[in-house]
Amino acid sequence: MDCVEISSLIFLSLVLGITKGIQDKLLFHFDTSVFKRLGNWWNPKESWKNKWKDGDKSKGERFFLSSTWLVSLTDAWHFFGLIRNFSIFLIIALIVDWKFIFFYFLFVGTFHLFFTYVFKKVK
C-alpha cells in the first residue's frame, strides 16, 4: 500500500467518524447541539418534510425522486448518511478491490426495496 492509499484510508476513516457523529447528534441530541441554530434542513423533527411539496406528503414529492433515491438532498441526516455509507464502501474497495464498489449499489438497492415495499405497513 502506498502513501496515497494510506492517506485516503485515513481521510475516509475520519469522514466516517465525523458523519456518524453528525447523524447521532442530529437524531438524539439536536436540541443541545450546534446544529440547532443552522436551520430546518438540520432538524430531523422538521426536515423530513423537505421531501414533500410544501411539506405536505399528500401533495407529492418536492422534486423527482425526493422521497426515494434523492432523499439525501432533502435533509442533513440523510445527506451525511449517504457520505458515511459511501465512505465505508470506498474503504473496502481500496483495501480489497475496486470491483467491490458494485456492492454499494447492491446495498442501496436492497435498502430501498425493503424500506419502501417489504417493510411497509399492511392496511
N, C-alpha and C. Protein backbone atom coordinates (compact mmCIF):
# COMPACT_ATOMS: atom_id res chain seq x y z
N MET A 1 0.85 -1.17 0.00
CA MET A 1 0.00 0.00 0.00
C MET A 1 0.90 1.25 0.00
N ASP A 2 0.59 2.18 -0.88
CA ASP A 2 1.43 3.38 -0.97
C ASP A 2 0.86 4.52 -0.11
N CYS A 3 1.56 5.64 -0.10
CA CYS A 3 1.17 6.79 0.73
C CYS A 3 -0.20 7.34 0.36
N VAL A 4 -0.51 7.37 -0.91
CA VAL A 4 -1.81 7.90 -1.36
C VAL A 4 -2.94 7.02 -0.83
N GLU A 5 -2.78 5.71 -0.93
CA GLU A 5 -3.81 4.80 -0.43
C GLU A 5 -3.97 4.91 1.08
N ILE A 6 -2.86 4.97 1.80
CA ILE A 6 -2.91 5.10 3.26
C ILE A 6 -3.55 6.43 3.65
N SER A 7 -3.17 7.50 2.98
CA SER A 7 -3.78 8.82 3.26
C SER A 7 -5.27 8.80 2.97
N SER A 8 -5.67 8.14 1.90
CA SER A 8 -7.09 8.04 1.55
C SER A 8 -7.86 7.26 2.62
N LEU A 9 -7.28 6.18 3.10
CA LEU A 9 -7.93 5.39 4.15
C LEU A 9 -8.07 6.19 5.44
N ILE A 10 -7.04 6.93 5.80
CA ILE A 10 -7.11 7.78 7.00
C ILE A 10 -8.19 8.83 6.82
N PHE A 11 -8.18 9.51 5.68
CA PHE A 11 -9.18 10.55 5.41
C PHE A 11 -10.60 9.97 5.46
N LEU A 12 -10.83 8.85 4.79
CA LEU A 12 -12.17 8.25 4.77
C LEU A 12 -12.59 7.79 6.16
N SER A 13 -11.65 7.31 6.97
CA SER A 13 -11.97 6.92 8.34
C SER A 13 -12.39 8.12 9.18
N LEU A 14 -11.72 9.25 8.97
CA LEU A 14 -12.11 10.49 9.66
C LEU A 14 -13.51 10.93 9.20
N VAL A 15 -13.76 10.84 7.91
CA VAL A 15 -15.09 11.17 7.38
C VAL A 15 -16.15 10.28 8.02
N LEU A 16 -15.86 9.00 8.16
CA LEU A 16 -16.80 8.07 8.81
C LEU A 16 -17.14 8.53 10.22
N GLY A 17 -16.12 8.85 11.00
CA GLY A 17 -16.35 9.28 12.38
C GLY A 17 -17.13 10.58 12.46
N ILE A 18 -16.79 11.53 11.61
CA ILE A 18 -17.47 12.83 11.62
C ILE A 18 -18.93 12.68 11.21
N THR A 19 -19.17 11.96 10.11
CA THR A 19 -20.55 11.84 9.62
C THR A 19 -21.43 11.03 10.58
N LYS A 20 -20.87 10.00 11.20
CA LYS A 20 -21.64 9.24 12.19
C LYS A 20 -21.95 10.11 13.40
N GLY A 21 -20.98 10.93 13.81
CA GLY A 21 -21.21 11.86 14.92
C GLY A 21 -22.30 12.87 14.60
N ILE A 22 -22.28 13.39 13.38
CA ILE A 22 -23.33 14.34 12.97
C ILE A 22 -24.69 13.66 13.00
N GLN A 23 -24.78 12.48 12.41
CA GLN A 23 -26.07 11.79 12.37
C GLN A 23 -26.62 11.51 13.77
N ASP A 24 -25.77 11.01 14.65
CA ASP A 24 -26.24 10.70 16.00
C ASP A 24 -26.60 11.96 16.78
N LYS A 25 -25.82 13.02 16.60
CA LYS A 25 -26.13 14.28 17.29
C LYS A 25 -27.47 14.82 16.81
N LEU A 26 -27.71 14.77 15.50
CA LEU A 26 -28.98 15.24 14.95
C LEU A 26 -30.15 14.41 15.47
N LEU A 27 -29.98 13.11 15.48
CA LEU A 27 -31.08 12.22 15.83
C LEU A 27 -31.39 12.19 17.33
N PHE A 28 -30.34 12.22 18.16
CA PHE A 28 -30.55 12.02 19.59
C PHE A 28 -30.37 13.26 20.47
N HIS A 29 -29.64 14.28 19.98
CA HIS A 29 -29.34 15.44 20.81
C HIS A 29 -29.44 16.75 20.04
N PHE A 30 -30.34 16.82 19.09
CA PHE A 30 -30.44 18.01 18.24
C PHE A 30 -30.62 19.29 19.05
N ASP A 31 -31.50 19.25 20.04
CA ASP A 31 -31.83 20.45 20.81
C ASP A 31 -30.66 21.04 21.59
N THR A 32 -29.64 20.23 21.86
CA THR A 32 -28.48 20.73 22.60
C THR A 32 -27.22 20.73 21.73
N SER A 33 -27.41 20.80 20.42
CA SER A 33 -26.27 20.74 19.50
C SER A 33 -26.02 22.07 18.80
N VAL A 34 -24.85 22.18 18.18
CA VAL A 34 -24.51 23.36 17.39
C VAL A 34 -25.36 23.45 16.14
N PHE A 35 -26.01 22.36 15.77
CA PHE A 35 -26.81 22.32 14.55
C PHE A 35 -28.17 23.00 14.70
N LYS A 36 -28.60 23.19 15.94
CA LYS A 36 -29.93 23.75 16.19
C LYS A 36 -30.13 25.12 15.55
N ARG A 37 -29.09 25.91 15.53
CA ARG A 37 -29.22 27.28 15.00
C ARG A 37 -28.97 27.38 13.49
N LEU A 38 -28.75 26.25 12.82
CA LEU A 38 -28.40 26.26 11.40
C LEU A 38 -29.58 26.17 10.45
N GLY A 39 -30.76 25.94 10.96
CA GLY A 39 -31.92 25.93 10.09
C GLY A 39 -32.63 24.59 10.02
N ASN A 40 -33.73 24.61 9.32
CA ASN A 40 -34.65 23.48 9.24
C ASN A 40 -34.03 22.25 8.59
N TRP A 41 -33.12 22.43 7.63
CA TRP A 41 -32.50 21.30 6.94
C TRP A 41 -31.79 20.36 7.91
N TRP A 42 -31.37 20.90 9.06
CA TRP A 42 -30.64 20.12 10.05
C TRP A 42 -31.54 19.47 11.09
N ASN A 43 -32.75 19.95 11.27
CA ASN A 43 -33.66 19.50 12.32
C ASN A 43 -34.43 18.26 11.89
N PRO A 44 -34.11 17.08 12.43
CA PRO A 44 -34.79 15.86 11.99
C PRO A 44 -36.29 15.82 12.32
N LYS A 45 -36.71 16.63 13.29
CA LYS A 45 -38.15 16.67 13.60
C LYS A 45 -38.93 17.44 12.55
N GLU A 46 -38.24 18.26 11.78
CA GLU A 46 -38.90 19.06 10.74
C GLU A 46 -38.42 18.74 9.33
N SER A 47 -37.15 18.40 9.19
CA SER A 47 -36.55 18.27 7.86
C SER A 47 -37.11 17.12 7.03
N TRP A 48 -37.74 16.15 7.66
CA TRP A 48 -38.33 15.05 6.90
C TRP A 48 -39.40 15.58 5.94
N LYS A 49 -39.95 16.73 6.26
CA LYS A 49 -40.99 17.32 5.40
C LYS A 49 -40.40 17.89 4.11
N ASN A 50 -39.09 18.09 4.08
CA ASN A 50 -38.45 18.70 2.91
C ASN A 50 -38.59 17.89 1.63
N LYS A 51 -38.89 16.62 1.76
CA LYS A 51 -39.03 15.79 0.56
C LYS A 51 -40.39 15.96 -0.12
N TRP A 52 -41.33 16.67 0.54
CA TRP A 52 -42.69 16.83 0.02
C TRP A 52 -42.97 18.28 -0.37
N LYS A 53 -43.78 18.49 -1.37
CA LYS A 53 -44.20 19.84 -1.77
C LYS A 53 -44.86 20.52 -0.59
N ASP A 54 -44.40 21.69 -0.26
CA ASP A 54 -44.93 22.48 0.86
C ASP A 54 -44.94 21.70 2.17
N GLY A 55 -44.07 20.68 2.28
CA GLY A 55 -44.01 19.86 3.50
C GLY A 55 -45.21 18.96 3.68
N ASP A 56 -46.00 18.77 2.65
CA ASP A 56 -47.24 18.00 2.73
C ASP A 56 -47.15 16.77 1.83
N LYS A 57 -47.12 15.60 2.44
CA LYS A 57 -46.98 14.35 1.70
C LYS A 57 -48.09 14.16 0.68
N SER A 58 -49.28 14.62 1.00
CA SER A 58 -50.41 14.43 0.09
C SER A 58 -50.25 15.21 -1.23
N LYS A 59 -49.34 16.21 -1.23
CA LYS A 59 -49.09 16.98 -2.45
C LYS A 59 -48.01 16.35 -3.34
N GLY A 60 -47.40 15.29 -2.86
CA GLY A 60 -46.40 14.59 -3.64
C GLY A 60 -44.98 15.07 -3.39
N GLU A 61 -44.07 14.50 -4.14
CA GLU A 61 -42.66 14.80 -3.97
C GLU A 61 -42.33 16.24 -4.34
N ARG A 62 -41.40 16.81 -3.59
CA ARG A 62 -40.95 18.19 -3.84
C ARG A 62 -40.25 18.29 -5.19
N PHE A 63 -39.45 17.27 -5.53
CA PHE A 63 -38.80 17.17 -6.83
C PHE A 63 -38.66 15.69 -7.16
N PHE A 64 -38.39 15.37 -8.38
CA PHE A 64 -38.30 14.00 -8.86
C PHE A 64 -37.39 13.15 -7.96
N LEU A 65 -37.94 12.08 -7.42
CA LEU A 65 -37.25 11.12 -6.56
C LEU A 65 -36.84 11.68 -5.20
N SER A 66 -37.44 12.78 -4.77
CA SER A 66 -37.06 13.38 -3.48
C SER A 66 -37.43 12.53 -2.28
N SER A 67 -38.32 11.58 -2.44
CA SER A 67 -38.69 10.73 -1.30
C SER A 67 -38.03 9.35 -1.37
N THR A 68 -37.23 9.12 -2.43
CA THR A 68 -36.59 7.80 -2.56
C THR A 68 -35.10 7.96 -2.86
N TRP A 69 -34.71 7.84 -4.11
CA TRP A 69 -33.30 7.82 -4.50
C TRP A 69 -32.56 9.12 -4.21
N LEU A 70 -33.24 10.26 -4.20
CA LEU A 70 -32.57 11.54 -3.96
C LEU A 70 -32.92 12.14 -2.60
N VAL A 71 -33.40 11.32 -1.68
CA VAL A 71 -33.76 11.80 -0.35
C VAL A 71 -32.56 12.41 0.37
N SER A 72 -31.36 12.02 0.00
CA SER A 72 -30.16 12.55 0.64
C SER A 72 -29.96 14.04 0.40
N LEU A 73 -30.69 14.58 -0.55
CA LEU A 73 -30.60 16.02 -0.82
C LEU A 73 -31.61 16.83 -0.01
N THR A 74 -32.48 16.16 0.74
CA THR A 74 -33.58 16.85 1.41
C THR A 74 -33.31 17.20 2.87
N ASP A 75 -32.36 16.52 3.51
CA ASP A 75 -32.06 16.85 4.92
C ASP A 75 -30.67 16.38 5.30
N ALA A 76 -30.17 16.94 6.37
CA ALA A 76 -28.80 16.68 6.80
C ALA A 76 -28.59 15.23 7.21
N TRP A 77 -29.54 14.63 7.91
CA TRP A 77 -29.37 13.27 8.40
C TRP A 77 -29.15 12.32 7.23
N HIS A 78 -29.98 12.41 6.21
CA HIS A 78 -29.82 11.55 5.04
C HIS A 78 -28.55 11.89 4.25
N PHE A 79 -28.23 13.16 4.13
CA PHE A 79 -27.05 13.58 3.38
C PHE A 79 -25.78 12.99 3.99
N PHE A 80 -25.63 13.13 5.31
CA PHE A 80 -24.43 12.62 5.95
C PHE A 80 -24.44 11.10 6.04
N GLY A 81 -25.61 10.48 6.02
CA GLY A 81 -25.69 9.03 5.93
C GLY A 81 -25.18 8.52 4.59
N LEU A 82 -25.53 9.24 3.52
CA LEU A 82 -25.03 8.89 2.19
C LEU A 82 -23.50 8.95 2.16
N ILE A 83 -22.95 10.03 2.68
CA ILE A 83 -21.49 10.18 2.70
C ILE A 83 -20.85 9.07 3.54
N ARG A 84 -21.44 8.79 4.69
CA ARG A 84 -20.90 7.74 5.59
C ARG A 84 -20.93 6.38 4.90
N ASN A 85 -22.07 6.01 4.35
CA ASN A 85 -22.19 4.70 3.71
C ASN A 85 -21.23 4.56 2.53
N PHE A 86 -21.16 5.58 1.71
CA PHE A 86 -20.28 5.52 0.55
C PHE A 86 -18.81 5.43 0.98
N SER A 87 -18.47 6.12 2.07
CA SER A 87 -17.10 6.06 2.58
C SER A 87 -16.73 4.65 3.03
N ILE A 88 -17.66 3.97 3.67
CA ILE A 88 -17.41 2.58 4.10
C ILE A 88 -17.05 1.72 2.89
N PHE A 89 -17.86 1.84 1.85
CA PHE A 89 -17.61 1.03 0.66
C PHE A 89 -16.33 1.44 -0.07
N LEU A 90 -15.99 2.72 -0.04
CA LEU A 90 -14.73 3.16 -0.64
C LEU A 90 -13.53 2.59 0.11
N ILE A 91 -13.61 2.55 1.43
CA ILE A 91 -12.53 1.97 2.23
C ILE A 91 -12.35 0.50 1.85
N ILE A 92 -13.44 -0.22 1.79
CA ILE A 92 -13.36 -1.65 1.43
C ILE A 92 -12.82 -1.80 0.01
N ALA A 93 -13.26 -0.95 -0.90
CA ALA A 93 -12.78 -1.02 -2.28
C ALA A 93 -11.28 -0.75 -2.35
N LEU A 94 -10.79 0.20 -1.56
CA LEU A 94 -9.35 0.49 -1.54
C LEU A 94 -8.54 -0.68 -0.98
N ILE A 95 -9.08 -1.33 0.03
CA ILE A 95 -8.36 -2.43 0.68
C ILE A 95 -8.46 -3.71 -0.14
N VAL A 96 -9.65 -4.01 -0.63
CA VAL A 96 -9.89 -5.29 -1.30
C VAL A 96 -9.72 -5.17 -2.81
N ASP A 97 -10.68 -4.47 -3.43
CA ASP A 97 -10.69 -4.38 -4.90
C ASP A 97 -11.76 -3.37 -5.30
N TRP A 98 -11.49 -2.61 -6.35
CA TRP A 98 -12.43 -1.59 -6.80
C TRP A 98 -13.74 -2.19 -7.28
N LYS A 99 -13.73 -3.46 -7.66
CA LYS A 99 -14.98 -4.11 -8.09
C LYS A 99 -15.98 -4.16 -6.94
N PHE A 100 -15.48 -4.04 -5.72
CA PHE A 100 -16.34 -4.10 -4.55
C PHE A 100 -17.36 -2.97 -4.53
N ILE A 101 -17.08 -1.88 -5.23
CA ILE A 101 -18.00 -0.73 -5.25
C ILE A 101 -19.36 -1.15 -5.78
N PHE A 102 -19.40 -2.20 -6.60
CA PHE A 102 -20.67 -2.76 -7.07
C PHE A 102 -21.58 -3.07 -5.89
N PHE A 103 -20.99 -3.56 -4.80
CA PHE A 103 -21.79 -3.94 -3.64
C PHE A 103 -22.43 -2.75 -2.94
N TYR A 104 -21.88 -1.57 -3.14
CA TYR A 104 -22.52 -0.37 -2.60
C TYR A 104 -23.89 -0.18 -3.27
N PHE A 105 -23.91 -0.34 -4.58
CA PHE A 105 -25.17 -0.18 -5.30
C PHE A 105 -26.14 -1.31 -4.98
N LEU A 106 -25.62 -2.50 -4.72
CA LEU A 106 -26.46 -3.61 -4.27
C LEU A 106 -27.07 -3.28 -2.91
N PHE A 107 -26.25 -2.73 -2.01
CA PHE A 107 -26.71 -2.32 -0.68
C PHE A 107 -27.82 -1.27 -0.79
N VAL A 108 -27.59 -0.23 -1.59
CA VAL A 108 -28.56 0.85 -1.74
C VAL A 108 -29.87 0.33 -2.33
N GLY A 109 -29.77 -0.49 -3.35
CA GLY A 109 -30.97 -1.05 -3.97
C GLY A 109 -31.76 -1.94 -3.03
N THR A 110 -31.05 -2.77 -2.27
CA THR A 110 -31.71 -3.66 -1.31
C THR A 110 -32.39 -2.86 -0.21
N PHE A 111 -31.69 -1.85 0.31
CA PHE A 111 -32.30 -0.99 1.32
C PHE A 111 -33.58 -0.36 0.79
N HIS A 112 -33.51 0.21 -0.40
CA HIS A 112 -34.68 0.86 -0.99
C HIS A 112 -35.84 -0.13 -1.15
N LEU A 113 -35.56 -1.30 -1.65
CA LEU A 113 -36.60 -2.32 -1.85
C LEU A 113 -37.29 -2.67 -0.54
N PHE A 114 -36.50 -2.96 0.49
CA PHE A 114 -37.09 -3.38 1.77
C PHE A 114 -37.75 -2.21 2.50
N PHE A 115 -37.10 -1.05 2.55
CA PHE A 115 -37.68 0.09 3.25
C PHE A 115 -38.97 0.56 2.59
N THR A 116 -38.99 0.59 1.27
CA THR A 116 -40.13 1.13 0.55
C THR A 116 -41.27 0.14 0.39
N TYR A 117 -40.95 -1.12 0.17
CA TYR A 117 -42.01 -2.08 -0.16
C TYR A 117 -42.20 -3.19 0.87
N VAL A 118 -41.14 -3.87 1.25
CA VAL A 118 -41.27 -5.05 2.13
C VAL A 118 -41.71 -4.66 3.53
N PHE A 119 -41.14 -3.61 4.11
CA PHE A 119 -41.45 -3.22 5.49
C PHE A 119 -42.60 -2.24 5.59
N LYS A 120 -43.33 -2.05 4.52
CA LYS A 120 -44.46 -1.12 4.53
C LYS A 120 -45.62 -1.72 5.33
N LYS A 121 -46.23 -0.89 6.15
CA LYS A 121 -47.34 -1.34 6.99
C LYS A 121 -48.50 -1.81 6.12
N VAL A 122 -49.02 -2.95 6.45
CA VAL A 122 -50.16 -3.51 5.73
C VAL A 122 -51.43 -2.82 6.25
N LYS A 123 -52.27 -2.38 5.32
CA LYS A 123 -53.52 -1.69 5.73
C LYS A 123 -54.59 -2.67 6.07
